Each structure stands twice: as C-alpha cells, then as structure tokens.
Amino acid sequence: MCNSLATVLTSKLTTVKRPFFSYRLQVLTLFLMFGLTILFSCSHKTEQPCDNHFIKGNNFFLASDFDNALKEFDGAIQGDSNNANAFYGKGTVYTLQGDYDKAIDNFNKAVEIDSKFTMAYYARGSAERMIGYNKAALADFEKSVELKPDFVFAILQEASEEAELGQHQKAVDDITNAIQLQPNFYLAYYYRGTYQHSLGKTNEAIEDFTQVLKIKNDYVNGYFYRGVFYGELKDYQNAINDLTKSIELKTDFTRAYIYRGVYEYALGQKENACNDFNKAKELGETTAQTYIDKYFKH
C-alpha cells in the first residue's frame, strides 16, 4: 500500500529506450518471409535457377520445416553450384534459426554469384545487424537501396543502422524519403518519431506518433510512446490519456502503469498513482516498488 507523501522525490523516470531489439526480430522475420515468398514464386527469377528442389525448399520453409528446407536447397546447389537463389534460401533459414554466421556465409555466396541480387544484400544486412555488425549492415542496406531505390523496407533498415551509429538526422532524412514513397506506412512514422526524439525534437516525435495512430489506431506502442513524450513536455493529461489507451489495448503493460502513475502523481492524483504502481507490482514489474518508495514515504 502507498501512504501519504511526506517528500516528493524529483528524480526522473528511467530514460525511454527505443524498443528495437525484440521488435527488430519480429520485423526481420516478417521482411524475410515476405522477401522469400516473392523470390520463391519464381516470378522474381531472371537468370537464376528455380528448380524443383528450390520450390520444395520454399514449401518446407513456409511450413517451418527448416531441416528439410535446407536439404532441398542443398539439392538445388548440387544440381547447379551457381544457384544464387538456393544460397539465399539457405541463408534465410539460418537467419531465422539464429545462426547468423552461417547465414552471412550463404548470402556472401549468393552475391558473389549475382552481384545485383538485391534481396541477398538486404537479407545479409539483416543478419549482420542482429550480431552488431552495424557498419556492414548499413553498407548492405545502402546497396539494396542503390539497386532498388523504391525498396522502402531497405530504406527503413538503412535509417535504423544510421541511428545506431549516431547519425540520427540522416536517419530522419532517409525515413522522410521512405514516407514520400509510401505515405501510409505506419512503421516509417514510428521509426522517424524515435529518431526525432533522439534529436531532442519531442514535438516532432509526437507529430509522427500521431500519424502512426491515424494509420493504425490500435497500435499499443504508438499510444505508449506518444504518452511518454507528452509527459516529457509536462502535458500530463494527454500523457495519461494515451497511457490509458495503451493499457486498454494491453492490460498487462506494466511500464504503462508505471508511467501513468508518475504523471497522475504530478497532477495530484495520488490514489490513482498508488493504484497504478501497485498494479504494476502485482503484474510482476520489478521496478514498481522503487517507484512506490520514491513517491510515497511510509
């Protein structure tokens, strides 16, 4: 329980971090599945082989039977050692299995065979970024965009690597180009908003997250981060409104309870703040007791 406050402790909330790593893995899986499906349709085929082994490998891959997918891709390579598509397929399987070194080796072979294999550069960059090879990943995403200037996913990933390397303004500029190509791509506004925030442009970040929510009005993180950014500007009521919406969409969102509690407290809503801190604690948030101790003195 929270007792009445004796002294307000003014230390700030933990700095908001961009939720990229877990989010990246989800997006990486989506993008690779998307790219592999396009490639495996054989409509993407130019001079590269698209034989029965390759097609079977694709079917096994889509069924998440990765062992048999690898066997079929190996069969395709045995039939033609210059089958760039098959090396790409193997690289994609290894990426989704988390074996990034093997993935990169296979993507290397794919681009050695076909130096204009856009998706292989893109996929190699995706594997490189997962093990922290940010400069190599950036170079591969840049190559993907060079080969296909309207490849919005690659522009998005290029900007992400630029941000990881501290080039936030360049990341913002690149995402702006992606938005011009695809104005309703909500993830582009989401990424740009985080980069704007890193540049200290909180109002611009709020504008981007507002656009995210216009496009995807049930996006939990959109409400959460916009709420936190409102809180940074001391617009506490709007912050509470957004955090409440994020909690409605995800009732076990413990960080949202913590932030909402802090902003409720700032508006003098001490009972509500107490309830939110305790709810977060009940849900297993390890920092909740710290906030109870910080804002309420027994």
C-alpha atoms as a PDB file:
ATOM      1  CA  MET A   1       0.000   0.000   0.000  1.00  0.00           C
ATOM      2  CA  CYS A   2       1.010   3.643  -0.526  1.00  0.00           C
ATOM      3  CA  ASN A   3       0.854   6.062   2.396  1.00  0.00           C
ATOM      4  CA  SER A   4       0.592   9.841   2.187  1.00  0.00           C
ATOM      5  CA  LEU A   5       3.558  11.658   0.748  1.00  0.00           C
ATOM      6  CA  ALA A   6       5.988  13.455   3.006  1.00  0.00           C
ATOM      7  CA  THR A   7       8.594  14.473   0.475  1.00  0.00           C
ATOM      8  CA  VAL A   8       8.416  14.491  -3.323  1.00  0.00           C
ATOM      9  CA  LEU A   9      11.471  12.940  -4.900  1.00  0.00           C
ATOM     10  CA  THR A  10      12.152  14.681  -8.168  1.00  0.00           C
ATOM     11  CA  SER A  11      14.433  12.212  -9.918  1.00  0.00           C
ATOM     12  CA  LYS A  12      13.266  11.382 -13.408  1.00  0.00           C
ATOM     13  CA  LEU A  13      11.863   8.194 -14.780  1.00  0.00           C
ATOM     14  CA  THR A  14      14.240   5.757 -16.390  1.00  0.00           C
ATOM     15  CA  THR A  15      15.216   7.078 -19.825  1.00  0.00           C
ATOM     16  CA  VAL A  16      12.939   5.803 -22.562  1.00  0.00           C
ATOM     17  CA  LYS A  17      14.750   3.386 -24.826  1.00  0.00           C
ATOM     18  CA  ARG A  18      13.788   2.529 -28.362  1.00  0.00           C
ATOM     19  CA  PRO A  19      12.296  -0.974 -28.321  1.00  0.00           C
ATOM     20  CA  PHE A  20      14.322  -2.093 -31.307  1.00  0.00           C
ATOM     21  CA  PHE A  21      15.875  -5.438 -30.481  1.00  0.00           C
ATOM     22  CA  SER A  22      12.787  -7.541 -29.788  1.00  0.00           C
ATOM     23  CA  TYR A  23      10.901  -5.508 -32.351  1.00  0.00           C
ATOM     24  CA  ARG A  24      13.697  -5.997 -34.872  1.00  0.00           C
ATOM     25  CA  LEU A  25      13.481  -9.757 -34.666  1.00  0.00           C
ATOM     26  CA  GLN A  26       9.745  -9.660 -35.370  1.00  0.00           C
ATOM     27  CA  VAL A  27      10.205  -7.272 -38.285  1.00  0.00           C
ATOM     28  CA  LEU A  28      13.199  -9.219 -39.576  1.00  0.00           C
ATOM     29  CA  THR A  29      11.114 -12.388 -39.653  1.00  0.00           C
ATOM     30  CA  LEU A  30       8.273 -10.609 -41.434  1.00  0.00           C
ATOM     31  CA  PHE A  31      10.547  -8.972 -44.003  1.00  0.00           C
ATOM     32  CA  LEU A  32      12.482 -12.134 -44.736  1.00  0.00           C
ATOM     33  CA  MET A  33       9.300 -14.193 -45.057  1.00  0.00           C
ATOM     34  CA  PHE A  34       7.946 -11.530 -47.397  1.00  0.00           C
ATOM     35  CA  GLY A  35      11.096 -11.416 -49.486  1.00  0.00           C
ATOM     36  CA  LEU A  36      11.489 -15.178 -49.598  1.00  0.00           C
ATOM     37  CA  THR A  37       7.896 -15.683 -50.672  1.00  0.00           C
ATOM     38  CA  ILE A  38       8.321 -13.206 -53.518  1.00  0.00           C
ATOM     39  CA  LEU A  39      11.558 -14.798 -54.605  1.00  0.00           C
ATOM     40  CA  PHE A  40      10.250 -18.339 -54.318  1.00  0.00           C
ATOM     41  CA  SER A  41       7.272 -17.575 -56.510  1.00  0.00           C
ATOM     42  CA  CYS A  42       9.829 -17.729 -59.353  1.00  0.00           C
ATOM     43  CA  SER A  43       8.317 -14.556 -60.819  1.00  0.00           C
ATOM     44  CA  HIS A  44      11.398 -12.812 -59.433  1.00  0.00           C
ATOM     45  CA  LYS A  45      13.633 -15.197 -61.379  1.00  0.00           C
ATOM     46  CA  THR A  46      15.867 -13.735 -64.066  1.00  0.00           C
ATOM     47  CA  GLU A  47      18.796 -15.950 -64.993  1.00  0.00           C
ATOM     48  CA  GLN A  48      18.843 -17.719 -61.643  1.00  0.00           C
ATOM     49  CA  PRO A  49      17.656 -21.355 -61.414  1.00  0.00           C
ATOM     50  CA  CYS A  50      14.271 -22.038 -59.874  1.00  0.00           C
ATOM     51  CA  ASP A  51      14.146 -25.850 -59.988  1.00  0.00           C
ATOM     52  CA  ASN A  52      12.036 -28.426 -58.165  1.00  0.00           C
ATOM     53  CA  HIS A  53      14.471 -28.648 -55.233  1.00  0.00           C
ATOM     54  CA  PHE A  54      14.247 -24.896 -54.803  1.00  0.00           C
ATOM     55  CA  ILE A  55      10.442 -24.886 -54.914  1.00  0.00           C
ATOM     56  CA  LYS A  56      10.237 -27.788 -52.459  1.00  0.00           C
ATOM     57  CA  GLY A  57      12.672 -25.973 -50.188  1.00  0.00           C
ATOM     58  CA  ASN A  58      10.386 -22.976 -50.252  1.00  0.00           C
ATOM     59  CA  ASN A  59       7.378 -25.102 -49.326  1.00  0.00           C
ATOM     60  CA  PHE A  60       9.244 -26.698 -46.422  1.00  0.00           C
ATOM     61  CA  PHE A  61      10.399 -23.266 -45.305  1.00  0.00           C
ATOM     62  CA  LEU A  62       6.872 -21.876 -45.282  1.00  0.00           C
ATOM     63  CA  ALA A  63       5.818 -24.907 -43.229  1.00  0.00           C
ATOM     64  CA  SER A  64       8.657 -24.137 -40.761  1.00  0.00           C
ATOM     65  CA  ASP A  65      10.310 -27.458 -41.607  1.00  0.00           C
ATOM     66  CA  PHE A  66      13.759 -25.933 -41.764  1.00  0.00           C
ATOM     67  CA  ASP A  67      15.770 -29.173 -41.804  1.00  0.00           C
ATOM     68  CA  ASN A  68      14.062 -30.412 -44.955  1.00  0.00           C
ATOM     69  CA  ALA A  69      14.187 -26.933 -46.466  1.00  0.00           C
ATOM     70  CA  LEU A  70      17.981 -26.962 -46.086  1.00  0.00           C
ATOM     71  CA  LYS A  71      18.176 -30.432 -47.655  1.00  0.00           C
ATOM     72  CA  GLU A  72      16.239 -29.245 -50.688  1.00  0.00           C
ATOM     73  CA  PHE A  73      18.336 -26.103 -51.075  1.00  0.00           C
ATOM     74  CA  ASP A  74      21.461 -28.262 -50.856  1.00  0.00           C
ATOM     75  CA  GLY A  75      19.953 -30.462 -53.556  1.00  0.00           C
ATOM     76  CA  ALA A  76      19.459 -27.427 -55.745  1.00  0.00           C
ATOM     77  CA  ILE A  77      23.090 -26.401 -55.207  1.00  0.00           C
ATOM     78  CA  GLN A  78      24.322 -29.911 -56.026  1.00  0.00           C
ATOM     79  CA  GLY A  79      22.466 -29.608 -59.315  1.00  0.00           C
ATOM     80  CA  ASP A  80      23.913 -26.171 -60.016  1.00  0.00           C
ATOM     81  CA  SER A  81      26.673 -24.731 -57.842  1.00  0.00           C
ATOM     82  CA  ASN A  82      25.852 -21.260 -59.192  1.00  0.00           C
ATOM     83  CA  ASN A  83      22.280 -21.300 -57.915  1.00  0.00           C
ATOM     84  CA  ALA A  84      22.248 -17.967 -56.065  1.00  0.00           C
ATOM     85  CA  ASN A  85      18.608 -18.402 -55.085  1.00  0.00           C
ATOM     86  CA  ALA A  86      19.393 -21.627 -53.230  1.00  0.00           C
ATOM     87  CA  PHE A  87      22.210 -19.990 -51.268  1.00  0.00           C
ATOM     88  CA  TYR A  88      19.815 -17.168 -50.473  1.00  0.00           C
ATOM     89  CA  GLY A  89      17.249 -19.704 -49.274  1.00  0.00           C
ATOM     90  CA  LYS A  90      19.804 -21.379 -47.013  1.00  0.00           C
ATOM     91  CA  GLY A  91      20.873 -18.015 -45.642  1.00  0.00           C
ATOM     92  CA  THR A  92      17.314 -17.104 -44.811  1.00  0.00           C
ATOM     93  CA  VAL A  93      16.720 -20.391 -42.977  1.00  0.00           C
ATOM     94  CA  TYR A  94      19.893 -19.927 -40.942  1.00  0.00           C
ATOM     95  CA  THR A  95      18.867 -16.350 -40.128  1.00  0.00           C
ATOM     96  CA  LEU A  96      15.525 -17.445 -38.719  1.00  0.00           C
ATOM     97  CA  GLN A  97      17.287 -20.208 -36.771  1.00  0.00           C
ATOM     98  CA  GLY A  98      19.603 -17.603 -35.252  1.00  0.00           C
ATOM     99  CA  ASP A  99      22.763 -18.982 -36.880  1.00  0.00           C
ATOM    100  CA  TYR A 100      23.828 -15.639 -38.294  1.00  0.00           C
ATOM    101  CA  ASP A 101      27.392 -16.594 -39.242  1.00  0.00           C
ATOM    102  CA  LYS A 102      26.177 -19.417 -41.487  1.00  0.00           C
ATOM    103  CA  ALA A 103      23.501 -17.100 -42.855  1.00  0.00           C
ATOM    104  CA  ILE A 104      26.075 -14.484 -43.800  1.00  0.00           C
ATOM    105  CA  ASP A 105      28.296 -17.120 -45.434  1.00  0.00           C
ATOM    106  CA  ASN A 106      25.431 -18.192 -47.678  1.00  0.00           C
ATOM    107  CA  PHE A 107      24.388 -14.654 -48.529  1.00  0.00           C
ATOM    108  CA  ASN A 108      28.045 -13.966 -49.412  1.00  0.00           C
ATOM    109  CA  LYS A 109      27.899 -16.799 -51.932  1.00  0.00           C
ATOM    110  CA  ALA A 110      24.619 -15.518 -53.346  1.00  0.00           C
ATOM    111  CA  VAL A 111      26.008 -12.043 -54.076  1.00  0.00           C
ATOM    112  CA  GLU A 112      29.282 -13.465 -55.386  1.00  0.00           C
ATOM    113  CA  ILE A 113      27.220 -15.320 -57.994  1.00  0.00           C
ATOM    114  CA  ASP A 114      24.801 -12.477 -58.665  1.00  0.00           C
ATOM    115  CA  SER A 115      26.183  -9.046 -57.806  1.00  0.00           C
ATOM    116  CA  LYS A 116      22.771  -7.440 -58.402  1.00  0.00           C
ATOM    117  CA  PHE A 117      20.837  -9.722 -56.050  1.00  0.00           C
ATOM    118  CA  THR A 118      19.009  -7.008 -54.108  1.00  0.00           C
ATOM    119  CA  MET A 119      17.288  -9.290 -51.595  1.00  0.00           C
ATOM    120  CA  ALA A 120      20.550 -11.085 -50.768  1.00  0.00           C
ATOM    121  CA  TYR A 121      22.214  -7.791 -49.788  1.00  0.00           C
ATOM    122  CA  TYR A 122      19.138  -6.880 -47.781  1.00  0.00           C
ATOM    123  CA  ALA A 123      18.992 -10.236 -46.009  1.00  0.00           C
ATOM    124  CA  ARG A 124      22.721 -10.217 -45.308  1.00  0.00           C
ATOM    125  CA  GLY A 125      22.360  -6.779 -43.756  1.00  0.00           C
ATOM    126  CA  SER A 126      19.517  -8.091 -41.602  1.00  0.00           C
ATOM    127  CA  ALA A 127      21.710 -10.945 -40.328  1.00  0.00           C
ATOM    128  CA  GLU A 128      24.675  -8.639 -39.761  1.00  0.00           C
ATOM    129  CA  ARG A 129      22.654  -6.208 -37.694  1.00  0.00           C
ATOM    130  CA  MET A 130      21.460  -8.992 -35.392  1.00  0.00           C
ATOM    131  CA  ILE A 131      25.044  -9.640 -34.274  1.00  0.00           C
ATOM    132  CA  GLY A 132      26.042  -5.998 -34.059  1.00  0.00           C
ATOM    133  CA  TYR A 133      27.861  -5.588 -37.371  1.00  0.00           C
ATOM    134  CA  ASN A 134      26.235  -2.205 -37.839  1.00  0.00           C
ATOM    135  CA  LYS A 135      28.619  -0.725 -40.396  1.00  0.00           C
ATOM    136  CA  ALA A 136      28.495  -3.839 -42.570  1.00  0.00           C
ATOM    137  CA  ALA A 137      24.713  -3.931 -42.264  1.00  0.00           C
ATOM    138  CA  LEU A 138      24.459  -0.273 -43.257  1.00  0.00           C
ATOM    139  CA  ALA A 139      26.603  -0.897 -46.334  1.00  0.00           C
ATOM    140  CA  ASP A 140      24.348  -3.778 -47.388  1.00  0.00           C
ATOM    141  CA  PHE A 141      21.147  -1.815 -46.875  1.00  0.00           C
ATOM    142  CA  GLU A 142      22.647   1.068 -48.850  1.00  0.00           C
ATOM    143  CA  LYS A 143      23.485  -1.373 -51.644  1.00  0.00           C
ATOM    144  CA  SER A 144      19.905  -2.661 -51.604  1.00  0.00           C
ATOM    145  CA  VAL A 145      18.585   0.868 -51.973  1.00  0.00           C
ATOM    146  CA  GLU A 146      21.118   1.611 -54.717  1.00  0.00           C
ATOM    147  CA  LEU A 147      19.858  -1.398 -56.680  1.00  0.00           C
ATOM    148  CA  LYS A 148      16.200  -0.682 -55.941  1.00  0.00           C
ATOM    149  CA  PRO A 149      15.642   2.969 -54.923  1.00  0.00           C
ATOM    150  CA  ASP A 150      11.953   2.412 -54.066  1.00  0.00           C
ATOM    151  CA  PHE A 151      12.697  -0.507 -51.688  1.00  0.00           C
ATOM    152  CA  VAL A 152      11.006   1.044 -48.658  1.00  0.00           C
ATOM    153  CA  PHE A 153      11.872  -1.771 -46.246  1.00  0.00           C
ATOM    154  CA  ALA A 154      15.555  -1.373 -47.097  1.00  0.00           C
ATOM    155  CA  ILE A 155      15.366   2.401 -46.587  1.00  0.00           C
ATOM    156  CA  LEU A 156      13.787   1.770 -43.192  1.00  0.00           C
ATOM    157  CA  GLN A 157      16.565  -0.602 -42.180  1.00  0.00           C
ATOM    158  CA  GLU A 158      19.224   1.713 -43.588  1.00  0.00           C
ATOM    159  CA  ALA A 159      17.903   4.509 -41.396  1.00  0.00           C
ATOM    160  CA  SER A 160      17.848   2.229 -38.364  1.00  0.00           C
ATOM    161  CA  GLU A 161      21.537   1.432 -38.802  1.00  0.00           C
ATOM    162  CA  GLU A 162      22.348   5.115 -39.253  1.00  0.00           C
ATOM    163  CA  ALA A 163      20.593   5.816 -35.960  1.00  0.00           C
ATOM    164  CA  GLU A 164      22.510   3.010 -34.260  1.00  0.00           C
ATOM    165  CA  LEU A 165      25.704   4.695 -35.451  1.00  0.00           C
ATOM    166  CA  GLY A 166      24.540   8.065 -34.087  1.00  0.00           C
ATOM    167  CA  GLN A 167      23.542   9.546 -37.441  1.00  0.00           C
ATOM    168  CA  HIS A 168      20.034  10.479 -36.346  1.00  0.00           C
ATOM    169  CA  GLN A 169      19.455  13.400 -38.705  1.00  0.00           C
ATOM    170  CA  LYS A 170      20.471  11.303 -41.696  1.00  0.00           C
ATOM    171  CA  ALA A 171      18.099   8.611 -40.441  1.00  0.00           C
ATOM    172  CA  VAL A 172      15.277  11.159 -40.272  1.00  0.00           C
ATOM    173  CA  ASP A 173      16.042  12.337 -43.805  1.00  0.00           C
ATOM    174  CA  ASP A 174      16.047   8.793 -45.173  1.00  0.00           C
ATOM    175  CA  ILE A 175      12.780   7.901 -43.454  1.00  0.00           C
ATOM    176  CA  THR A 176      11.246  11.065 -44.890  1.00  0.00           C
ATOM    177  CA  ASN A 177      12.159   9.752 -48.342  1.00  0.00           C
ATOM    178  CA  ALA A 178      10.532   6.418 -47.496  1.00  0.00           C
ATOM    179  CA  ILE A 179       7.358   8.200 -46.411  1.00  0.00           C
ATOM    180  CA  GLN A 180       7.245  10.055 -49.726  1.00  0.00           C
ATOM    181  CA  LEU A 181       7.356   6.679 -51.471  1.00  0.00           C
ATOM    182  CA  GLN A 182       4.760   5.077 -49.198  1.00  0.00           C
ATOM    183  CA  PRO A 183       2.789   7.675 -47.219  1.00  0.00           C
ATOM    184  CA  ASN A 184       0.648   5.175 -45.317  1.00  0.00           C
ATOM    185  CA  PHE A 185       3.490   3.017 -43.996  1.00  0.00           C
ATOM    186  CA  TYR A 186       2.956   3.453 -40.259  1.00  0.00           C
ATOM    187  CA  LEU A 187       6.292   1.899 -39.284  1.00  0.00           C
ATOM    188  CA  ALA A 188       8.113   4.663 -41.148  1.00  0.00           C
ATOM    189  CA  TYR A 189       6.481   7.305 -38.945  1.00  0.00           C
ATOM    190  CA  TYR A 190       7.184   5.149 -35.888  1.00  0.00           C
ATOM    191  CA  TYR A 191      10.894   4.933 -36.675  1.00  0.00           C
ATOM    192  CA  ARG A 192      11.151   8.595 -37.629  1.00  0.00           C
ATOM    193  CA  GLY A 193       9.427   9.585 -34.410  1.00  0.00           C
ATOM    194  CA  THR A 194      12.016   7.723 -32.345  1.00  0.00           C
ATOM    195  CA  TYR A 195      14.850   9.406 -34.247  1.00  0.00           C
ATOM    196  CA  GLN A 196      13.243  12.819 -33.832  1.00  0.00           C
ATOM    197  CA  HIS A 197      13.072  12.132 -30.107  1.00  0.00           C
ATOM    198  CA  SER A 198      16.766  11.190 -30.052  1.00  0.00           C
ATOM    199  CA  LEU A 199      17.495  14.593 -31.614  1.00  0.00           C
ATOM    200  CA  GLY A 200      15.550  16.294 -28.829  1.00  0.00           C
ATOM    201  CA  LYS A 201      12.669  17.158 -31.164  1.00  0.00           C
ATOM    202  CA  THR A 202       9.900  15.904 -28.912  1.00  0.00           C
ATOM    203  CA  ASN A 203       7.101  17.870 -30.570  1.00  0.00           C
ATOM    204  CA  GLU A 204       8.054  16.465 -33.955  1.00  0.00           C
ATOM    205  CA  ALA A 205       8.191  12.982 -32.435  1.00  0.00           C
ATOM    206  CA  ILE A 206       4.654  13.437 -31.120  1.00  0.00           C
ATOM    207  CA  GLU A 207       3.508  14.509 -34.592  1.00  0.00           C
ATOM    208  CA  ASP A 208       4.984  11.336 -36.081  1.00  0.00           C
ATOM    209  CA  PHE A 209       3.360   9.090 -33.486  1.00  0.00           C
ATOM    210  CA  THR A 210       0.071  10.898 -34.075  1.00  0.00           C
ATOM    211  CA  GLN A 211       0.401   9.938 -37.733  1.00  0.00           C
ATOM    212  CA  VAL A 212       1.154   6.344 -36.709  1.00  0.00           C
ATOM    213  CA  LEU A 213      -2.121   6.241 -34.794  1.00  0.00           C
ATOM    214  CA  LYS A 214      -4.099   7.774 -37.639  1.00  0.00           C
ATOM    215  CA  ILE A 215      -2.972   4.884 -39.807  1.00  0.00           C
ATOM    216  CA  LYS A 216      -3.094   2.157 -37.152  1.00  0.00           C
ATOM    217  CA  ASN A 217      -5.349   3.217 -34.308  1.00  0.00           C
ATOM    218  CA  ASP A 218      -4.879   0.054 -32.253  1.00  0.00           C
ATOM    219  CA  TYR A 219      -1.092   0.237 -32.067  1.00  0.00           C
ATOM    220  CA  VAL A 220      -0.183  -0.167 -28.401  1.00  0.00           C
ATOM    221  CA  ASN A 221       3.354   1.211 -28.623  1.00  0.00           C
ATOM    222  CA  GLY A 222       2.101   4.213 -30.559  1.00  0.00           C
ATOM    223  CA  TYR A 223      -0.044   5.302 -27.613  1.00  0.00           C
ATOM    224  CA  PHE A 224       2.628   4.370 -25.082  1.00  0.00           C
ATOM    225  CA  TYR A 225       5.462   6.365 -26.614  1.00  0.00           C
ATOM    226  CA  ARG A 226       3.323   9.347 -27.509  1.00  0.00           C
ATOM    227  CA  GLY A 227       2.095   9.338 -23.925  1.00  0.00           C
ATOM    228  CA  VAL A 228       5.644   9.272 -22.578  1.00  0.00           C
ATOM    229  CA  PHE A 229       6.646  12.096 -24.903  1.00  0.00           C
ATOM    230  CA  TYR A 230       3.661  14.165 -23.763  1.00  0.00           C
ATOM    231  CA  GLY A 231       4.833  13.524 -20.220  1.00  0.00           C
ATOM    232  CA  GLU A 232       8.309  14.810 -21.039  1.00  0.00           C
ATOM    233  CA  LEU A 233       6.644  18.063 -22.141  1.00  0.00           C
ATOM    234  CA  LYS A 234       4.669  18.108 -18.865  1.00  0.00           C
ATOM    235  CA  ASP A 235       1.433  17.730 -20.788  1.00  0.00           C
ATOM    236  CA  TYR A 236       0.357  15.251 -18.169  1.00  0.00           C
ATOM    237  CA  GLN A 237      -3.318  14.877 -19.007  1.00  0.00           C
ATOM    238  CA  ASN A 238      -2.639  13.960 -22.627  1.00  0.00           C
ATOM    239  CA  ALA A 239       0.091  11.638 -21.377  1.00  0.00           C
ATOM    240  CA  ILE A 240      -2.374   9.901 -19.053  1.00  0.00           C
ATOM    241  CA  ASN A 241      -4.977   9.652 -21.812  1.00  0.00           C
ATOM    242  CA  ASP A 242      -2.535   7.897 -24.148  1.00  0.00           C
ATOM    243  CA  LEU A 243      -1.169   5.575 -21.480  1.00  0.00           C
ATOM    244  CA  THR A 244      -4.718   4.663 -20.507  1.00  0.00           C
ATOM    245  CA  LYS A 245      -5.405   3.734 -24.118  1.00  0.00           C
ATOM    246  CA  SER A 246      -2.266   1.595 -24.257  1.00  0.00           C
ATOM    247  CA  ILE A 247      -3.381  -0.207 -21.091  1.00  0.00           C
ATOM    248  CA  GLU A 248      -6.856  -0.789 -22.547  1.00  0.00           C
ATOM    249  CA  LEU A 249      -5.205  -2.462 -25.522  1.00  0.00           C
ATOM    250  CA  LYS A 250      -2.682  -4.398 -23.414  1.00  0.00           C
ATOM    251  CA  THR A 251      -3.880  -4.828 -19.855  1.00  0.00           C
ATOM    252  CA  ASP A 252      -0.603  -6.304 -18.590  1.00  0.00           C
ATOM    253  CA  PHE A 253       1.562  -3.461 -19.935  1.00  0.00           C
ATOM    254  CA  THR A 254       3.441  -2.823 -16.715  1.00  0.00           C
ATOM    255  CA  ARG A 255       5.587   0.078 -17.934  1.00  0.00           C
ATOM    256  CA  ALA A 256       2.444   1.932 -18.970  1.00  0.00           C
ATOM    257  CA  TYR A 257       1.112   1.619 -15.410  1.00  0.00           C
ATOM    258  CA  ILE A 258       4.389   2.970 -14.047  1.00  0.00           C
ATOM    259  CA  TYR A 259       4.492   5.989 -16.344  1.00  0.00           C
ATOM    260  CA  ARG A 260       0.802   6.709 -15.864  1.00  0.00           C
ATOM    261  CA  GLY A 261       1.307   6.564 -12.110  1.00  0.00           C
ATOM    262  CA  VAL A 262       4.094   9.137 -12.284  1.00  0.00           C
ATOM    263  CA  TYR A 263       2.011  11.530 -14.372  1.00  0.00           C
ATOM    264  CA  GLU A 264      -1.059  11.018 -12.186  1.00  0.00           C
ATOM    265  CA  TYR A 265       1.066  11.890  -9.223  1.00  0.00           C
ATOM    266  CA  ALA A 266       2.245  15.049 -10.966  1.00  0.00           C
ATOM    267  CA  LEU A 267      -1.421  16.110 -11.277  1.00  0.00           C
ATOM    268  CA  GLY A 268      -2.071  15.385  -7.621  1.00  0.00           C
ATOM    269  CA  GLN A 269      -3.976  12.150  -8.325  1.00  0.00           C
ATOM    270  CA  LYS A 270      -2.129  10.306  -5.577  1.00  0.00           C
ATOM    271  CA  GLU A 271      -4.612   7.476  -5.068  1.00  0.00           C
ATOM    272  CA  ASN A 272      -4.622   6.694  -8.785  1.00  0.00           C
ATOM    273  CA  ALA A 273      -0.835   6.770  -8.833  1.00  0.00           C
ATOM    274  CA  CYS A 274      -0.682   4.419  -5.863  1.00  0.00           C
ATOM    275  CA  ASN A 275      -3.087   2.016  -7.565  1.00  0.00           C
ATOM    276  CA  ASP A 276      -1.055   2.026 -10.777  1.00  0.00           C
ATOM    277  CA  PHE A 277       2.257   1.355  -9.032  1.00  0.00           C
ATOM    278  CA  ASN A 278       0.691  -1.491  -7.100  1.00  0.00           C
ATOM    279  CA  LYS A 279      -0.940  -2.899 -10.239  1.00  0.00           C
ATOM    280  CA  ALA A 280       2.432  -2.925 -11.963  1.00  0.00           C
ATOM    281  CA  LYS A 281       3.925  -4.678  -8.946  1.00  0.00           C
ATOM    282  CA  GLU A 282       1.096  -7.241  -8.959  1.00  0.00           C
ATOM    283  CA  LEU A 283       1.830  -7.934 -12.639  1.00  0.00           C
ATOM    284  CA  GLY A 284       5.490  -8.600 -11.875  1.00  0.00           C
ATOM    285  CA  GLU A 285       7.137  -5.276 -12.718  1.00  0.00           C
ATOM    286  CA  THR A 286      10.406  -5.398 -10.778  1.00  0.00           C
ATOM    287  CA  THR A 287      10.815  -1.602 -10.616  1.00  0.00           C
ATOM    288  CA  ALA A 288       7.360  -0.936  -9.172  1.00  0.00           C
ATOM    289  CA  GLN A 289       8.469  -0.995  -5.538  1.00  0.00           C
ATOM    290  CA  THR A 290      11.160   1.531  -6.373  1.00  0.00           C
ATOM    291  CA  TYR A 291       8.512   3.983  -7.540  1.00  0.00           C
ATOM    292  CA  ILE A 292       6.334   3.298  -4.509  1.00  0.00           C
ATOM    293  CA  ASP A 293       9.302   4.051  -2.281  1.00  0.00           C
ATOM    294  CA  LYS A 294      10.235   7.087  -4.378  1.00  0.00           C
ATOM    295  CA  TYR A 295       6.866   8.813  -4.365  1.00  0.00           C
ATOM    296  CA  PHE A 296       5.328   7.590  -1.124  1.00  0.00           C
ATOM    297  CA  LYS A 297       7.102   7.704   2.204  1.00  0.00           C
ATOM    298  CA  HIS A 298       5.850   5.282   4.841  1.00  0.00           C
END
